[in-house]
PDB file of N, CA and C in Angstrom:
ATOM      1  N   MET A   1     -37.674 -13.882  11.208  1.00  0.00           N
ATOM      2  CA  MET A   1     -37.324 -12.707  10.430  1.00  0.00           C
ATOM      3  C   MET A   1     -36.118 -11.984  11.048  1.00  0.00           C
ATOM      4  N   THR A   2     -36.138 -11.821  12.358  1.00  0.00           N
ATOM      5  CA  THR A   2     -35.044 -11.144  13.039  1.00  0.00           C
ATOM      6  C   THR A   2     -33.752 -11.946  12.916  1.00  0.00           C
ATOM      7  N   GLU A   3     -33.864 -13.247  13.052  1.00  0.00           N
ATOM      8  CA  GLU A   3     -32.678 -14.105  12.929  1.00  0.00           C
ATOM      9  C   GLU A   3     -32.111 -14.035  11.515  1.00  0.00           C
ATOM     10  N   ASN A   4     -32.990 -13.989  10.543  1.00  0.00           N
ATOM     11  CA  ASN A   4     -32.556 -13.886   9.151  1.00  0.00           C
ATOM     12  C   ASN A   4     -31.828 -12.558   8.915  1.00  0.00           C
ATOM     13  N   ASN A   5     -32.352 -11.462   9.439  1.00  0.00           N
ATOM     14  CA  ASN A   5     -31.694 -10.162   9.321  1.00  0.00           C
ATOM     15  C   ASN A   5     -30.330 -10.166  10.004  1.00  0.00           C
ATOM     16  N   ARG A   6     -30.258 -10.838  11.126  1.00  0.00           N
ATOM     17  CA  ARG A   6     -28.984 -10.943  11.853  1.00  0.00           C
ATOM     18  C   ARG A   6     -27.960 -11.704  11.023  1.00  0.00           C
ATOM     19  N   GLU A   7     -28.378 -12.798  10.427  1.00  0.00           N
ATOM     20  CA  GLU A   7     -27.479 -13.602   9.590  1.00  0.00           C
ATOM     21  C   GLU A   7     -26.987 -12.799   8.391  1.00  0.00           C
ATOM     22  N   VAL A   8     -27.876 -12.054   7.769  1.00  0.00           N
ATOM     23  CA  VAL A   8     -27.501 -11.230   6.615  1.00  0.00           C
ATOM     24  C   VAL A   8     -26.513 -10.154   7.044  1.00  0.00           C
ATOM     25  N   PHE A   9     -26.773  -9.514   8.180  1.00  0.00           N
ATOM     26  CA  PHE A   9     -25.867  -8.493   8.692  1.00  0.00           C
ATOM     27  C   PHE A   9     -24.485  -9.073   8.964  1.00  0.00           C
ATOM     28  N   LEU A  10     -24.418 -10.201   9.646  1.00  0.00           N
ATOM     29  CA  LEU A  10     -23.131 -10.826   9.962  1.00  0.00           C
ATOM     30  C   LEU A  10     -22.394 -11.251   8.698  1.00  0.00           C
ATOM     31  N   PHE A  11     -23.118 -11.765   7.739  1.00  0.00           N
ATOM     32  CA  PHE A  11     -22.500 -12.163   6.473  1.00  0.00           C
ATOM     33  C   PHE A  11     -21.906 -10.944   5.770  1.00  0.00           C
ATOM     34  N   ASN A  12     -22.680  -9.873   5.668  1.00  0.00           N
ATOM     35  CA  ASN A  12     -22.206  -8.653   5.006  1.00  0.00           C
ATOM     36  C   ASN A  12     -21.028  -8.041   5.759  1.00  0.00           C
ATOM     37  N   ASN A  13     -21.086  -8.068   7.073  1.00  0.00           N
ATOM     38  CA  ASN A  13     -20.004  -7.546   7.888  1.00  0.00           C
ATOM     39  C   ASN A  13     -18.731  -8.345   7.664  1.00  0.00           C
ATOM     40  N   ASN A  14     -18.846  -9.657   7.636  1.00  0.00           N
ATOM     41  CA  ASN A  14     -17.690 -10.520   7.407  1.00  0.00           C
ATOM     42  C   ASN A  14     -17.115 -10.287   6.009  1.00  0.00           C
ATOM     43  N   LEU A  15     -17.971 -10.144   5.034  1.00  0.00           N
ATOM     44  CA  LEU A  15     -17.530  -9.891   3.666  1.00  0.00           C
ATOM     45  C   LEU A  15     -16.786  -8.560   3.587  1.00  0.00           C
ATOM     46  N   GLU A  16     -17.296  -7.554   4.251  1.00  0.00           N
ATOM     47  CA  GLU A  16     -16.647  -6.250   4.262  1.00  0.00           C
ATOM     48  C   GLU A  16     -15.276  -6.326   4.935  1.00  0.00           C
ATOM     49  N   GLN A  17     -15.161  -7.083   6.007  1.00  0.00           N
ATOM     50  CA  GLN A  17     -13.872  -7.245   6.685  1.00  0.00           C
ATOM     51  C   GLN A  17     -12.853  -7.924   5.771  1.00  0.00           C
ATOM     52  N   ILE A  18     -13.299  -8.930   5.048  1.00  0.00           N
ATOM     53  CA  ILE A  18     -12.403  -9.629   4.120  1.00  0.00           C
ATOM     54  C   ILE A  18     -11.889  -8.670   3.054  1.00  0.00           C
ATOM     55  N   GLN A  19     -12.794  -7.872   2.501  1.00  0.00           N
ATOM     56  CA  GLN A  19     -12.392  -6.908   1.478  1.00  0.00           C
ATOM     57  C   GLN A  19     -11.419  -5.880   2.044  1.00  0.00           C
ATOM     58  N   GLN A  20     -11.647  -5.442   3.255  1.00  0.00           N
ATOM     59  CA  GLN A  20     -10.755  -4.464   3.866  1.00  0.00           C
ATOM     60  C   GLN A  20      -9.376  -5.058   4.128  1.00  0.00           C
ATOM     61  N   HIS A  21      -9.317  -6.304   4.573  1.00  0.00           N
ATOM     62  CA  HIS A  21      -8.014  -6.960   4.786  1.00  0.00           C
ATOM     63  C   HIS A  21      -7.268  -7.122   3.465  1.00  0.00           C
ATOM     64  N   GLU A  22      -7.976  -7.439   2.407  1.00  0.00           N
ATOM     65  CA  GLU A  22      -7.343  -7.568   1.095  1.00  0.00           C
ATOM     66  C   GLU A  22      -6.812  -6.221   0.624  1.00  0.00           C
ATOM     67  N   ASN A  23      -7.572  -5.162   0.850  1.00  0.00           N
ATOM     68  CA  ASN A  23      -7.113  -3.833   0.463  1.00  0.00           C
ATOM     69  C   ASN A  23      -5.886  -3.414   1.269  1.00  0.00           C
ATOM     70  N   ILE A  24      -5.875  -3.717   2.551  1.00  0.00           N
ATOM     71  CA  ILE A  24      -4.717  -3.391   3.389  1.00  0.00           C
ATOM     72  C   ILE A  24      -3.482  -4.130   2.872  1.00  0.00           C
ATOM     73  N   ALA A  25      -3.629  -5.395   2.565  1.00  0.00           N
ATOM     74  CA  ALA A  25      -2.499  -6.179   2.036  1.00  0.00           C
ATOM     75  C   ALA A  25      -2.033  -5.613   0.692  1.00  0.00           C
ATOM     76  N   ARG A  26      -2.979  -5.183  -0.135  1.00  0.00           N
ATOM     77  CA  ARG A  26      -2.630  -4.616  -1.445  1.00  0.00           C
ATOM     78  C   ARG A  26      -1.835  -3.326  -1.267  1.00  0.00           C
ATOM     79  N   TYR A  27      -2.267  -2.476  -0.338  1.00  0.00           N
ATOM     80  CA  TYR A  27      -1.547  -1.224  -0.109  1.00  0.00           C
ATOM     81  C   TYR A  27      -0.168  -1.465   0.497  1.00  0.00           C
ATOM     82  N   GLN A  28      -0.041  -2.475   1.341  1.00  0.00           N
ATOM     83  CA  GLN A  28       1.279  -2.810   1.886  1.00  0.00           C
ATOM     84  C   GLN A  28       2.217  -3.249   0.767  1.00  0.00           C
ATOM     85  N   LYS A  29       1.696  -4.030  -0.155  1.00  0.00           N
ATOM     86  CA  LYS A  29       2.511  -4.472  -1.287  1.00  0.00           C
ATOM     87  C   LYS A  29       2.893  -3.285  -2.166  1.00  0.00           C
ATOM     88  N   LEU A  30       1.942  -2.390  -2.413  1.00  0.00           N
ATOM     89  CA  LEU A  30       2.228  -1.204  -3.212  1.00  0.00           C
ATOM     90  C   LEU A  30       3.282  -0.327  -2.548  1.00  0.00           C
ATOM     91  N   MET A  31       3.205  -0.206  -1.230  1.00  0.00           N
ATOM     92  CA  MET A  31       4.180   0.616  -0.525  1.00  0.00           C
ATOM     93  C   MET A  31       5.584   0.010  -0.603  1.00  0.00           C
ATOM     94  N   ALA A  32       5.674  -1.302  -0.573  1.00  0.00           N
ATOM     95  CA  ALA A  32       6.976  -1.957  -0.726  1.00  0.00           C
ATOM     96  C   ALA A  32       7.530  -1.689  -2.126  1.00  0.00           C
ATOM     97  N   GLN A  33       6.659  -1.765  -3.127  1.00  0.00           N
ATOM     98  CA  GLN A  33       7.081  -1.462  -4.494  1.00  0.00           C
ATOM     99  C   GLN A  33       7.466   0.007  -4.625  1.00  0.00           C
ATOM    100  N   ASP A  34       6.732   0.869  -3.943  1.00  0.00           N
ATOM    101  CA  ASP A  34       7.057   2.292  -3.970  1.00  0.00           C
ATOM    102  C   ASP A  34       8.443   2.540  -3.392  1.00  0.00           C
ATOM    103  N   GLY A  35       8.802   1.807  -2.350  1.00  0.00           N
ATOM    104  CA  GLY A  35      10.135   1.943  -1.771  1.00  0.00           C
ATOM    105  C   GLY A  35      11.216   1.584  -2.773  1.00  0.00           C
ATOM    106  N   GLU A  36      10.983   0.542  -3.547  1.00  0.00           N
ATOM    107  CA  GLU A  36      11.947   0.153  -4.579  1.00  0.00           C
ATOM    108  C   GLU A  36      12.022   1.214  -5.675  1.00  0.00           C
ATOM    109  N   ILE A  37      10.879   1.738  -6.055  1.00  0.00           N
ATOM    110  CA  ILE A  37      10.841   2.771  -7.093  1.00  0.00           C
ATOM    111  C   ILE A  37      11.589   4.012  -6.622  1.00  0.00           C
ATOM    112  N   ILE A  38      11.400   4.382  -5.368  1.00  0.00           N
ATOM    113  CA  ILE A  38      12.087   5.558  -4.827  1.00  0.00           C
ATOM    114  C   ILE A  38      13.595   5.352  -4.844  1.00  0.00           C
ATOM    115  N   SER A  39      14.043   4.162  -4.472  1.00  0.00           N
ATOM    116  CA  SER A  39      15.482   3.877  -4.498  1.00  0.00           C
ATOM    117  C   SER A  39      16.040   4.007  -5.908  1.00  0.00           C
ATOM    118  N   LEU A  40      15.304   3.493  -6.879  1.00  0.00           N
ATOM    119  CA  LEU A  40      15.748   3.602  -8.271  1.00  0.00           C
ATOM    120  C   LEU A  40      15.737   5.052  -8.745  1.00  0.00           C
ATOM    121  N   ARG A  41      14.706   5.787  -8.373  1.00  0.00           N
ATOM    122  CA  ARG A  41      14.623   7.199  -8.766  1.00  0.00           C
ATOM    123  C   ARG A  41      15.759   8.009  -8.140  1.00  0.00           C
ATOM    124  N   GLN A  42      16.137   7.678  -6.906  1.00  0.00           N
ATOM    125  CA  GLN A  42      17.259   8.366  -6.272  1.00  0.00           C
ATOM    126  C   GLN A  42      18.552   8.099  -7.035  1.00  0.00           C
ATOM    127  N   ALA A  43      18.743   6.848  -7.446  1.00  0.00           N
ATOM    128  CA  ALA A  43      19.944   6.503  -8.201  1.00  0.00           C
ATOM    129  C   ALA A  43      19.971   7.240  -9.540  1.00  0.00           C
ATOM    130  N   VAL A  44      18.823   7.331 -10.197  1.00  0.00           N
ATOM    131  CA  VAL A  44      18.747   8.036 -11.477  1.00  0.00           C
ATOM    132  C   VAL A  44      19.032   9.520 -11.282  1.00  0.00           C
ATOM    133  N   ARG A  45      18.484  10.109 -10.209  1.00  0.00           N
ATOM    134  CA  ARG A  45      18.737  11.526  -9.926  1.00  0.00           C
ATOM    135  C   ARG A  45      20.215  11.784  -9.673  1.00  0.00           C
ATOM    136  N   LYS A  46      20.850  10.904  -8.886  1.00  0.00           N
ATOM    137  CA  LYS A  46      22.276  11.073  -8.610  1.00  0.00           C
ATOM    138  C   LYS A  46      23.102  10.959  -9.883  1.00  0.00           C
ATOM    139  N   ALA A  47      22.715  10.039 -10.750  1.00  0.00           N
ATOM    140  CA  ALA A  47      23.410   9.909 -12.031  1.00  0.00           C
ATOM    141  C   ALA A  47      23.207  11.162 -12.874  1.00  0.00           C
ATOM    142  N   ALA A  48      22.001  11.708 -12.843  1.00  0.00           N
ATOM    143  CA  ALA A  48      21.725  12.930 -13.605  1.00  0.00           C
ATOM    144  C   ALA A  48      22.526  14.096 -13.052  1.00  0.00           C
ATOM    145  N   GLU A  49      22.676  14.172 -11.724  1.00  0.00           N
ATOM    146  CA  GLU A  49      23.489  15.238 -11.130  1.00  0.00           C
ATOM    147  C   GLU A  49      24.936  15.120 -11.602  1.00  0.00           C
ATOM    148  N   SER A  50      25.432  13.905 -11.667  1.00  0.00           N
ATOM    149  CA  SER A  50      26.796  13.685 -12.144  1.00  0.00           C
ATOM    150  C   SER A  50      26.920  14.065 -13.620  1.00  0.00           C
ATOM    151  N   LYS A  51      25.930  13.683 -14.408  1.00  0.00           N
ATOM    152  CA  LYS A  51      25.956  14.020 -15.836  1.00  0.00           C
ATOM    153  C   LYS A  51      25.910  15.540 -16.033  1.00  0.00           C
ATOM    154  N   LEU A  52      25.114  16.232 -15.208  1.00  0.00           N
ATOM    155  CA  LEU A  52      25.049  17.691 -15.299  1.00  0.00           C
ATOM    156  C   LEU A  52      26.403  18.301 -14.968  1.00  0.00           C
ATOM    157  N   ALA A  53      27.068  17.767 -13.955  1.00  0.00           N
ATOM    158  CA  ALA A  53      28.382  18.279 -13.558  1.00  0.00           C
ATOM    159  C   ALA A  53      29.413  18.103 -14.665  1.00  0.00           C
ATOM    160  N   HIS A  54      29.228  17.061 -15.475  1.00  0.00           N
ATOM    161  CA  HIS A  54      30.166  16.795 -16.568  1.00  0.00           C
ATOM    162  C   HIS A  54      29.681  17.356 -17.902  1.00  0.00           C
ATOM    163  N   GLY A  55      28.573  18.058 -17.906  1.00  0.00           N
ATOM    164  CA  GLY A  55      28.077  18.711 -19.113  1.00  0.00           C
ATOM    165  C   GLY A  55      27.390  17.805 -20.103  1.00  0.00           C
ATOM    166  N   ILE A  56      26.971  16.610 -19.692  1.00  0.00           N
ATOM    167  CA  ILE A  56      26.326  15.665 -20.608  1.00  0.00           C
ATOM    168  C   ILE A  56      24.848  16.004 -20.789  1.00  0.00           C
ATOM    169  N   ILE A  57      24.197  16.463 -19.731  1.00  0.00           N
ATOM    170  CA  ILE A  57      22.793  16.847 -19.811  1.00  0.00           C
ATOM    171  C   ILE A  57      22.648  18.293 -19.354  1.00  0.00           C
ATOM    172  N   ASP A  58      21.486  18.869 -19.609  1.00  0.00           N
ATOM    173  CA  ASP A  58      21.259  20.236 -19.153  1.00  0.00           C
ATOM    174  C   ASP A  58      20.403  20.231 -17.879  1.00  0.00           C
ATOM    175  N   ALA A  59      20.175  21.416 -17.341  1.00  0.00           N
ATOM    176  CA  ALA A  59      19.456  21.544 -16.077  1.00  0.00           C
ATOM    177  C   ALA A  59      18.013  21.066 -16.191  1.00  0.00           C
ATOM    178  N   ASN A  60      17.399  21.215 -17.357  1.00  0.00           N
ATOM    179  CA  ASN A  60      16.018  20.763 -17.537  1.00  0.00           C
ATOM    180  C   ASN A  60      15.884  19.257 -17.332  1.00  0.00           C
ATOM    181  N   ASP A  61      16.858  18.507 -17.830  1.00  0.00           N
ATOM    182  CA  ASP A  61      16.829  17.056 -17.646  1.00  0.00           C
ATOM    183  C   ASP A  61      16.961  16.688 -16.167  1.00  0.00           C
ATOM    184  N   LEU A  62      17.819  17.423 -15.458  1.00  0.00           N
ATOM    185  CA  LEU A  62      17.981  17.173 -14.027  1.00  0.00           C
ATOM    186  C   LEU A  62      16.693  17.493 -13.277  1.00  0.00           C
ATOM    187  N   VAL A  63      16.069  18.601 -13.612  1.00  0.00           N
ATOM    188  CA  VAL A  63      14.812  18.978 -12.953  1.00  0.00           C
ATOM    189  C   VAL A  63      13.748  17.923 -13.214  1.00  0.00           C
ATOM    190  N   ARG A  64      13.694  17.372 -14.417  1.00  0.00           N
ATOM    191  CA  ARG A  64      12.732  16.313 -14.738  1.00  0.00           C
ATOM    192  C   ARG A  64      12.957  15.095 -13.851  1.00  0.00           C
ATOM    193  N   GLU A  65      14.213  14.709 -13.650  1.00  0.00           N
ATOM    194  CA  GLU A  65      14.518  13.551 -12.799  1.00  0.00           C
ATOM    195  C   GLU A  65      14.164  13.831 -11.336  1.00  0.00           C
ATOM    196  N   ILE A  66      14.425  15.045 -10.889  1.00  0.00           N
ATOM    197  CA  ILE A  66      14.071  15.416  -9.512  1.00  0.00           C
ATOM    198  C   ILE A  66      12.555  15.362  -9.334  1.00  0.00           C
ATOM    199  N   ASN A  67      11.814  15.877 -10.320  1.00  0.00           N
ATOM    200  CA  ASN A  67      10.351  15.845 -10.253  1.00  0.00           C
ATOM    201  C   ASN A  67       9.823  14.413 -10.222  1.00  0.00           C
ATOM    202  N   GLN A  68      10.423  13.532 -10.999  1.00  0.00           N
ATOM    203  CA  GLN A  68       9.984  12.136 -10.998  1.00  0.00           C
ATOM    204  C   GLN A  68      10.271  11.472  -9.656  1.00  0.00           C
ATOM    205  N   GLU A  69      11.380  11.828  -9.036  1.00  0.00           N
ATOM    206  CA  GLU A  69      11.688  11.286  -7.706  1.00  0.00           C
ATOM    207  C   GLU A  69      10.654  11.777  -6.685  1.00  0.00           C
ATOM    208  N   HIS A  70      10.323  13.044  -6.740  1.00  0.00           N
ATOM    209  CA  HIS A  70       9.334  13.585  -5.804  1.00  0.00           C
ATOM    210  C   HIS A  70       7.946  13.005  -6.068  1.00  0.00           C
ATOM    211  N   THR A  71       7.637  12.739  -7.317  1.00  0.00           N
ATOM    212  CA  THR A  71       6.365  12.100  -7.647  1.00  0.00           C
ATOM    213  C   THR A  71       6.281  10.714  -7.025  1.00  0.00           C
ATOM    214  N   ALA A  72       7.397   9.988  -7.009  1.00  0.00           N
ATOM    215  CA  ALA A  72       7.427   8.662  -6.383  1.00  0.00           C
ATOM    216  C   ALA A  72       7.182   8.773  -4.881  1.00  0.00           C
ATOM    217  N   TYR A  73       7.751   9.807  -4.235  1.00  0.00           N
ATOM    218  CA  TYR A  73       7.496  10.024  -2.806  1.00  0.00           C
ATOM    219  C   TYR A  73       6.019  10.326  -2.546  1.00  0.00           C
ATOM    220  N   VAL A  74       5.432  11.151  -3.402  1.00  0.00           N
ATOM    221  CA  VAL A  74       4.020  11.506  -3.249  1.00  0.00           C
ATOM    222  C   VAL A  74       3.146  10.266  -3.418  1.00  0.00           C
ATOM    223  N   GLN A  75       3.470   9.442  -4.407  1.00  0.00           N
ATOM    224  CA  GLN A  75       2.702   8.216  -4.640  1.00  0.00           C
ATOM    225  C   GLN A  75       2.760   7.293  -3.424  1.00  0.00           C
ATOM    226  N   GLN A  76       3.946   7.173  -2.832  1.00  0.00           N
ATOM    227  CA  GLN A  76       4.082   6.339  -1.643  1.00  0.00           C
ATOM    228  C   GLN A  76       3.250   6.910  -0.487  1.00  0.00           C
ATOM    229  N   SER A  77       3.259   8.216  -0.338  1.00  0.00           N
ATOM    230  CA  SER A  77       2.466   8.849   0.721  1.00  0.00           C
ATOM    231  C   SER A  77       0.978   8.630   0.504  1.00  0.00           C
ATOM    232  N   MET A  78       0.537   8.710  -0.742  1.00  0.00           N
ATOM    233  CA  MET A  78      -0.868   8.471  -1.044  1.00  0.00           C
ATOM    234  C   MET A  78      -1.266   7.042  -0.707  1.00  0.00           C
ATOM    235  N   HIS A  79      -0.404   6.089  -1.045  1.00  0.00           N
ATOM    236  CA  HIS A  79      -0.699   4.690  -0.722  1.00  0.00           C
ATOM    237  C   HIS A  79      -0.744   4.480   0.793  1.00  0.00           C
ATOM    238  N   GLU A  80       0.136   5.164   1.518  1.00  0.00           N
ATOM    239  CA  GLU A  80       0.137   5.031   2.977  1.00  0.00           C
ATOM    240  C   GLU A  80      -1.157   5.591   3.566  1.00  0.00           C
ATOM    241  N   ILE A  81      -1.596   6.735   3.068  1.00  0.00           N
ATOM    242  CA  ILE A  81      -2.837   7.337   3.561  1.00  0.00           C
ATOM    243  C   ILE A  81      -4.028   6.436   3.260  1.00  0.00           C
ATOM    244  N   GLU A  82      -4.067   5.885   2.051  1.00  0.00           N
ATOM    245  CA  GLU A  82      -5.170   4.991   1.686  1.00  0.00           C
ATOM    246  C   GLU A  82      -5.165   3.732   2.545  1.00  0.00           C
ATOM    247  N   MET A  83      -3.967   3.219   2.856  1.00  0.00           N
ATOM    248  CA  MET A  83      -3.881   2.043   3.713  1.00  0.00           C
ATOM    249  C   MET A  83      -4.368   2.373   5.124  1.00  0.00           C
ATOM    250  N   LEU A  84      -3.970   3.531   5.649  1.00  0.00           N
ATOM    251  CA  LEU A  84      -4.418   3.933   6.983  1.00  0.00           C
ATOM    252  C   LEU A  84      -5.931   4.119   7.016  1.00  0.00           C
ATOM    253  N   LYS A  85      -6.502   4.609   5.934  1.00  0.00           N
ATOM    254  CA  LYS A  85      -7.957   4.740   5.846  1.00  0.00           C
ATOM    255  C   LYS A  85      -8.615   3.371   5.904  1.00  0.00           C
ATOM    256  N   GLU A  86      -8.069   2.399   5.185  1.00  0.00           N
ATOM    257  CA  GLU A  86      -8.613   1.042   5.210  1.00  0.00           C
ATOM    258  C   GLU A  86      -8.503   0.440   6.610  1.00  0.00           C
ATOM    259  N   ILE A  87      -7.397   0.694   7.287  1.00  0.00           N
ATOM    260  CA  ILE A  87      -7.224   0.194   8.656  1.00  0.00           C
ATOM    261  C   ILE A  87      -8.265   0.820   9.570  1.00  0.00           C
ATOM    262  N   TYR A  88      -8.467   2.129   9.425  1.00  0.00           N
ATOM    263  CA  TYR A  88      -9.488   2.802  10.232  1.00  0.00           C
ATOM    264  C   TYR A  88     -10.876   2.230   9.933  1.00  0.00           C
ATOM    265  N   ASP A  89     -11.191   2.068   8.643  1.00  0.00           N
ATOM    266  CA  ASP A  89     -12.492   1.510   8.263  1.00  0.00           C
ATOM    267  C   ASP A  89     -12.678   0.108   8.838  1.00  0.00           C
ATOM    268  N   ASN A  90     -11.605  -0.675   8.828  1.00  0.00           N
ATOM    269  CA  ASN A  90     -11.690  -2.022   9.380  1.00  0.00           C
ATOM    270  C   ASN A  90     -11.924  -1.970  10.890  1.00  0.00           C
ATOM    271  N   ASN A  91     -11.240  -1.061  11.573  1.00  0.00           N
ATOM    272  CA  ASN A  91     -11.471  -0.913  13.008  1.00  0.00           C
ATOM    273  C   ASN A  91     -12.910  -0.476  13.300  1.00  0.00           C
ATOM    274  N   TYR A  92     -13.442   0.376  12.453  1.00  0.00           N
ATOM    275  CA  TYR A  92     -14.831   0.816  12.614  1.00  0.00           C
ATOM    276  C   TYR A  92     -15.787  -0.349  12.374  1.00  0.00           C
ATOM    277  N   THR A  93     -15.501  -1.154  11.351  1.00  0.00           N
ATOM    278  CA  THR A  93     -16.352  -2.286  11.009  1.00  0.00           C
ATOM    279  C   THR A  93     -16.365  -3.332  12.123  1.00  0.00           C
ATOM    280  N   THR A  94     -15.191  -3.561  12.701  1.00  0.00           N
ATOM    281  CA  THR A  94     -15.085  -4.585  13.752  1.00  0.00           C
ATOM    282  C   THR A  94     -15.355  -4.019  15.139  1.00  0.00           C
ATOM    283  N   ASN A  95     -15.582  -2.714  15.225  1.00  0.00           N
ATOM    284  CA  ASN A  95     -15.870  -2.046  16.485  1.00  0.00           C
ATOM    285  C   ASN A  95     -14.698  -2.126  17.460  1.00  0.00           C
ATOM    286  N   ASN A  96     -13.498  -1.940  16.922  1.00  0.00           N
ATOM    287  CA  ASN A  96     -12.272  -1.934  17.754  1.00  0.00           C
ATOM    288  C   ASN A  96     -11.825  -0.524  18.003  1.00  0.00           C
TER     289      ASN A  96
END
């Protein structure tokens, strides 16, 4: 009975570690995509600033682009925090 409980515990622990590693990899991929999104949002904001200077758009459009750029930064920060949580959980699971 004790050996069976030990086997079940080790199996569940291993399964949890696998899931945590997959989540960490997923968040790393999301953060890389977030970096690309931020670069694109910066380019769009700079273009909007130029358009505002030339009178093509109004200030509301520029503010919208700035807000979208900041939203991309927030999203990247959230993904980083979630990834760090998964890393911590994995360290707790493996007793490191």
